[in-house]
Amino acid sequence: MQRPKQATDLFAFVAVLATVIVLLLIGVPPESLAIVVIAMGGLYGGWHGTGQRQGREGKR
């Protein structure tokens, strides 16, 4: 599986950063923001295809 271009990574980073800024401005507690950022990172990692599967393919 080919790795998406760097522009996709940059867009994902900016989207998460913008989301955190908006949530801070509307008064969401920082503890909740940590949960949101971890969830967004997990979703991006799943979509991006990183994780255990690539490690197993390399051992074959």
PDB file of N, CA and C in Angstrom:
ATOM      1  N   MET A   1       0.847  -1.175   0.000  1.00  0.00           N
ATOM      2  CA  MET A   1       0.000   0.000   0.000  1.00  0.00           C
ATOM      3  C   MET A   1       0.891   1.236   0.000  1.00  0.00           C
ATOM      4  N   GLN A   2       0.655   2.152  -0.910  1.00  0.00           N
ATOM      5  CA  GLN A   2       1.470   3.354  -0.982  1.00  0.00           C
ATOM      6  C   GLN A   2       1.055   4.357   0.075  1.00  0.00           C
ATOM      7  N   ARG A   3       2.037   5.078   0.553  1.00  0.00           N
ATOM      8  CA  ARG A   3       1.778   6.128   1.541  1.00  0.00           C
ATOM      9  C   ARG A   3       1.216   7.361   0.835  1.00  0.00           C
ATOM     10  N   PRO A   4       0.114   7.946   1.406  1.00  0.00           N
ATOM     11  CA  PRO A   4      -0.433   9.164   0.801  1.00  0.00           C
ATOM     12  C   PRO A   4       0.603  10.287   0.821  1.00  0.00           C
ATOM     13  N   LYS A   5       0.398  11.262  -0.019  1.00  0.00           N
ATOM     14  CA  LYS A   5       1.333  12.381  -0.125  1.00  0.00           C
ATOM     15  C   LYS A   5       1.368  13.191   1.172  1.00  0.00           C
ATOM     16  N   GLN A   6       2.433  13.948   1.329  1.00  0.00           N
ATOM     17  CA  GLN A   6       2.615  14.762   2.521  1.00  0.00           C
ATOM     18  C   GLN A   6       1.503  15.789   2.700  1.00  0.00           C
ATOM     19  N   ALA A   7       0.861  16.199   1.621  1.00  0.00           N
ATOM     20  CA  ALA A   7      -0.223  17.184   1.721  1.00  0.00           C
ATOM     21  C   ALA A   7      -1.375  16.632   2.559  1.00  0.00           C
ATOM     22  N   THR A   8      -1.633  15.349   2.459  1.00  0.00           N
ATOM     23  CA  THR A   8      -2.698  14.735   3.258  1.00  0.00           C
ATOM     24  C   THR A   8      -2.356  14.801   4.739  1.00  0.00           C
ATOM     25  N   ASP A   9      -1.104  14.530   5.073  1.00  0.00           N
ATOM     26  CA  ASP A   9      -0.670  14.601   6.465  1.00  0.00           C
ATOM     27  C   ASP A   9      -0.797  16.021   7.006  1.00  0.00           C
ATOM     28  N   LEU A  10      -0.397  16.986   6.196  1.00  0.00           N
ATOM     29  CA  LEU A  10      -0.489  18.380   6.607  1.00  0.00           C
ATOM     30  C   LEU A  10      -1.945  18.787   6.806  1.00  0.00           C
ATOM     31  N   PHE A  11      -2.815  18.383   5.893  1.00  0.00           N
ATOM     32  CA  PHE A  11      -4.237  18.714   6.013  1.00  0.00           C
ATOM     33  C   PHE A  11      -4.834  18.108   7.281  1.00  0.00           C
ATOM     34  N   ALA A  12      -4.486  16.870   7.594  1.00  0.00           N
ATOM     35  CA  ALA A  12      -5.004  16.221   8.801  1.00  0.00           C
ATOM     36  C   ALA A  12      -4.520  16.952  10.051  1.00  0.00           C
ATOM     37  N   PHE A  13      -3.251  17.341  10.072  1.00  0.00           N
ATOM     38  CA  PHE A  13      -2.704  18.073  11.219  1.00  0.00           C
ATOM     39  C   PHE A  13      -3.419  19.404  11.407  1.00  0.00           C
ATOM     40  N   VAL A  14      -3.609  20.145  10.325  1.00  0.00           N
ATOM     41  CA  VAL A  14      -4.280  21.447  10.405  1.00  0.00           C
ATOM     42  C   VAL A  14      -5.736  21.275  10.831  1.00  0.00           C
ATOM     43  N   ALA A  15      -6.396  20.230  10.347  1.00  0.00           N
ATOM     44  CA  ALA A  15      -7.792  19.990  10.724  1.00  0.00           C
ATOM     45  C   ALA A  15      -7.917  19.703  12.216  1.00  0.00           C
ATOM     46  N   VAL A  16      -7.029  18.884  12.755  1.00  0.00           N
ATOM     47  CA  VAL A  16      -7.067  18.585  14.195  1.00  0.00           C
ATOM     48  C   VAL A  16      -6.745  19.835  14.998  1.00  0.00           C
ATOM     49  N   LEU A  17      -5.751  20.589  14.568  1.00  0.00           N
ATOM     50  CA  LEU A  17      -5.387  21.818  15.269  1.00  0.00           C
ATOM     51  C   LEU A  17      -6.539  22.821  15.264  1.00  0.00           C
ATOM     52  N   ALA A  18      -7.189  22.992  14.131  1.00  0.00           N
ATOM     53  CA  ALA A  18      -8.330  23.915  14.036  1.00  0.00           C
ATOM     54  C   ALA A  18      -9.489  23.456  14.917  1.00  0.00           C
ATOM     55  N   THR A  19      -9.714  22.147  14.959  1.00  0.00           N
ATOM     56  CA  THR A  19     -10.786  21.614  15.801  1.00  0.00           C
ATOM     57  C   THR A  19     -10.516  21.902  17.270  1.00  0.00           C
ATOM     58  N   VAL A  20      -9.281  21.694  17.701  1.00  0.00           N
ATOM     59  CA  VAL A  20      -8.927  21.960  19.098  1.00  0.00           C
ATOM     60  C   VAL A  20      -9.087  23.446  19.417  1.00  0.00           C
ATOM     61  N   ILE A  21      -8.664  24.316  18.525  1.00  0.00           N
ATOM     62  CA  ILE A  21      -8.794  25.748  18.765  1.00  0.00           C
ATOM     63  C   ILE A  21     -10.258  26.162  18.883  1.00  0.00           C
ATOM     64  N   VAL A  22     -11.093  25.650  17.986  1.00  0.00           N
ATOM     65  CA  VAL A  22     -12.526  25.979  18.039  1.00  0.00           C
ATOM     66  C   VAL A  22     -13.151  25.464  19.332  1.00  0.00           C
ATOM     67  N   LEU A  23     -12.804  24.241  19.715  1.00  0.00           N
ATOM     68  CA  LEU A  23     -13.363  23.690  20.950  1.00  0.00           C
ATOM     69  C   LEU A  23     -12.897  24.470  22.174  1.00  0.00           C
ATOM     70  N   LEU A  24     -11.651  24.926  22.181  1.00  0.00           N
ATOM     71  CA  LEU A  24     -11.174  25.755  23.292  1.00  0.00           C
ATOM     72  C   LEU A  24     -11.924  27.080  23.353  1.00  0.00           C
ATOM     73  N   LEU A  25     -12.172  27.674  22.192  1.00  0.00           N
ATOM     74  CA  LEU A  25     -12.863  28.962  22.157  1.00  0.00           C
ATOM     75  C   LEU A  25     -14.306  28.869  22.630  1.00  0.00           C
ATOM     76  N   ILE A  26     -14.950  27.717  22.440  1.00  0.00           N
ATOM     77  CA  ILE A  26     -16.338  27.598  22.909  1.00  0.00           C
ATOM     78  C   ILE A  26     -16.421  27.089  24.344  1.00  0.00           C
ATOM     79  N   GLY A  27     -15.258  26.843  24.963  1.00  0.00           N
ATOM     80  CA  GLY A  27     -15.253  26.541  26.391  1.00  0.00           C
ATOM     81  C   GLY A  27     -15.234  25.072  26.766  1.00  0.00           C
ATOM     82  N   VAL A  28     -14.785  24.211  25.920  1.00  0.00           N
ATOM     83  CA  VAL A  28     -14.692  22.787  26.250  1.00  0.00           C
ATOM     84  C   VAL A  28     -13.496  22.587  27.184  1.00  0.00           C
ATOM     85  N   PRO A  29     -13.664  21.803  28.257  1.00  0.00           N
ATOM     86  CA  PRO A  29     -12.554  21.579  29.196  1.00  0.00           C
ATOM     87  C   PRO A  29     -11.375  20.849  28.527  1.00  0.00           C
ATOM     88  N   PRO A  30     -10.142  21.171  28.929  1.00  0.00           N
ATOM     89  CA  PRO A  30      -8.960  20.530  28.330  1.00  0.00           C
ATOM     90  C   PRO A  30      -8.944  19.005  28.444  1.00  0.00           C
ATOM     91  N   GLU A  31      -9.526  18.462  29.500  1.00  0.00           N
ATOM     92  CA  GLU A  31      -9.567  17.005  29.651  1.00  0.00           C
ATOM     93  C   GLU A  31     -10.355  16.362  28.508  1.00  0.00           C
ATOM     94  N   SER A  32     -11.409  17.001  28.101  1.00  0.00           N
ATOM     95  CA  SER A  32     -12.213  16.488  26.999  1.00  0.00           C
ATOM     96  C   SER A  32     -11.471  16.627  25.673  1.00  0.00           C
ATOM     97  N   LEU A  33     -10.672  17.661  25.547  1.00  0.00           N
ATOM     98  CA  LEU A  33      -9.914  17.860  24.314  1.00  0.00           C
ATOM     99  C   LEU A  33      -8.895  16.743  24.108  1.00  0.00           C
ATOM    100  N   ALA A  34      -8.305  16.277  25.183  1.00  0.00           N
ATOM    101  CA  ALA A  34      -7.344  15.182  25.062  1.00  0.00           C
ATOM    102  C   ALA A  34      -8.024  13.954  24.476  1.00  0.00           C
ATOM    103  N   ILE A  35      -9.226  13.662  24.917  1.00  0.00           N
ATOM    104  CA  ILE A  35      -9.971  12.511  24.411  1.00  0.00           C
ATOM    105  C   ILE A  35     -10.289  12.699  22.934  1.00  0.00           C
ATOM    106  N   VAL A  36     -10.692  13.903  22.552  1.00  0.00           N
ATOM    107  CA  VAL A  36     -11.029  14.183  21.156  1.00  0.00           C
ATOM    108  C   VAL A  36      -9.802  14.031  20.261  1.00  0.00           C
ATOM    109  N   VAL A  37      -8.660  14.562  20.694  1.00  0.00           N
ATOM    110  CA  VAL A  37      -7.443  14.486  19.888  1.00  0.00           C
ATOM    111  C   VAL A  37      -6.975  13.040  19.733  1.00  0.00           C
ATOM    112  N   ILE A  38      -7.043  12.260  20.800  1.00  0.00           N
ATOM    113  CA  ILE A  38      -6.653  10.849  20.716  1.00  0.00           C
ATOM    114  C   ILE A  38      -7.581  10.098  19.766  1.00  0.00           C
ATOM    115  N   ALA A  39      -8.878  10.374  19.848  1.00  0.00           N
ATOM    116  CA  ALA A  39      -9.831   9.713  18.950  1.00  0.00           C
ATOM    117  C   ALA A  39      -9.578  10.101  17.492  1.00  0.00           C
ATOM    118  N   MET A  40      -9.319  11.380  17.235  1.00  0.00           N
ATOM    119  CA  MET A  40      -9.048  11.819  15.858  1.00  0.00           C
ATOM    120  C   MET A  40      -7.751  11.196  15.339  1.00  0.00           C
ATOM    121  N   GLY A  41      -6.756  11.110  16.194  1.00  0.00           N
ATOM    122  CA  GLY A  41      -5.499  10.473  15.796  1.00  0.00           C
ATOM    123  C   GLY A  41      -5.692   8.999  15.480  1.00  0.00           C
ATOM    124  N   GLY A  42      -6.506   8.326  16.271  1.00  0.00           N
ATOM    125  CA  GLY A  42      -6.802   6.919  16.003  1.00  0.00           C
ATOM    126  C   GLY A  42      -7.557   6.719  14.703  1.00  0.00           C
ATOM    127  N   LEU A  43      -8.515   7.580  14.445  1.00  0.00           N
ATOM    128  CA  LEU A  43      -9.254   7.490  13.187  1.00  0.00           C
ATOM    129  C   LEU A  43      -8.353   7.751  11.991  1.00  0.00           C
ATOM    130  N   TYR A  44      -7.474   8.732  12.118  1.00  0.00           N
ATOM    131  CA  TYR A  44      -6.549   9.024  11.024  1.00  0.00           C
ATOM    132  C   TYR A  44      -5.573   7.868  10.819  1.00  0.00           C
ATOM    133  N   GLY A  45      -5.097   7.297  11.917  1.00  0.00           N
ATOM    134  CA  GLY A  45      -4.207   6.144  11.812  1.00  0.00           C
ATOM    135  C   GLY A  45      -4.888   4.962  11.149  1.00  0.00           C
ATOM    136  N   GLY A  46      -6.148   4.730  11.482  1.00  0.00           N
ATOM    137  CA  GLY A  46      -6.902   3.649  10.847  1.00  0.00           C
ATOM    138  C   GLY A  46      -7.127   3.905   9.368  1.00  0.00           C
ATOM    139  N   TRP A  47      -7.438   5.115   9.021  1.00  0.00           N
ATOM    140  CA  TRP A  47      -7.648   5.459   7.612  1.00  0.00           C
ATOM    141  C   TRP A  47      -6.335   5.428   6.849  1.00  0.00           C
ATOM    142  N   HIS A  48      -5.275   5.840   7.522  1.00  0.00           N
ATOM    143  CA  HIS A  48      -3.953   5.919   6.909  1.00  0.00           C
ATOM    144  C   HIS A  48      -3.346   4.531   6.706  1.00  0.00           C
ATOM    145  N   GLY A  49      -3.813   3.555   7.469  1.00  0.00           N
ATOM    146  CA  GLY A  49      -3.333   2.189   7.316  1.00  0.00           C
ATOM    147  C   GLY A  49      -2.116   1.854   8.151  1.00  0.00           C
ATOM    148  N   THR A  50      -1.848   2.619   9.201  1.00  0.00           N
ATOM    149  CA  THR A  50      -0.722   2.301  10.067  1.00  0.00           C
ATOM    150  C   THR A  50      -1.174   1.345  11.151  1.00  0.00           C
ATOM    151  N   GLY A  51      -0.241   0.578  11.674  1.00  0.00           N
ATOM    152  CA  GLY A  51      -0.584  -0.308  12.768  1.00  0.00           C
ATOM    153  C   GLY A  51       0.032  -1.682  12.625  1.00  0.00           C
ATOM    154  N   GLN A  52      -0.571  -2.665  13.275  1.00  0.00           N
ATOM    155  CA  GLN A  52      -0.047  -4.020  13.364  1.00  0.00           C
ATOM    156  C   GLN A  52       0.040  -4.717  12.018  1.00  0.00           C
ATOM    157  N   ARG A  53      -0.898  -4.473  11.144  1.00  0.00           N
ATOM    158  CA  ARG A  53      -0.958  -5.199   9.877  1.00  0.00           C
ATOM    159  C   ARG A  53       0.333  -5.044   9.069  1.00  0.00           C
ATOM    160  N   GLN A  54       0.878  -3.846   8.996  1.00  0.00           N
ATOM    161  CA  GLN A  54       2.101  -3.640   8.222  1.00  0.00           C
ATOM    162  C   GLN A  54       3.272  -4.391   8.835  1.00  0.00           C
ATOM    163  N   GLY A  55       3.320  -4.501  10.140  1.00  0.00           N
ATOM    164  CA  GLY A  55       4.394  -5.236  10.786  1.00  0.00           C
ATOM    165  C   GLY A  55       4.355  -6.710  10.447  1.00  0.00           C
ATOM    166  N   ARG A  56       3.185  -7.295  10.356  1.00  0.00           N
ATOM    167  CA  ARG A  56       3.043  -8.710  10.021  1.00  0.00           C
ATOM    168  C   ARG A  56       3.416  -8.998   8.573  1.00  0.00           C
ATOM    169  N   GLU A  57       3.061  -8.089   7.668  1.00  0.00           N
ATOM    170  CA  GLU A  57       3.368  -8.295   6.261  1.00  0.00           C
ATOM    171  C   GLU A  57       4.860  -8.312   6.006  1.00  0.00           C
ATOM    172  N   GLY A  58       5.614  -7.527   6.786  1.00  0.00           N
ATOM    173  CA  GLY A  58       7.054  -7.464   6.599  1.00  0.00           C
ATOM    174  C   GLY A  58       7.759  -8.752   7.021  1.00  0.00           C
ATOM    175  N   LYS A  59       7.151  -9.563   7.890  1.00  0.00           N
ATOM    176  CA  LYS A  59       7.772 -10.790   8.400  1.00  0.00           C
ATOM    177  C   LYS A  59       7.598 -11.960   7.465  1.00  0.00           C
ATOM    178  N   ARG A  60       6.725 -11.865   6.483  1.00  0.00           N
ATOM    179  CA  ARG A  60       6.464 -12.990   5.581  1.00  0.00           C
ATOM    180  C   ARG A  60       7.604 -13.274   4.669  1.00  0.00           C
TER     181      ARG A  60
END
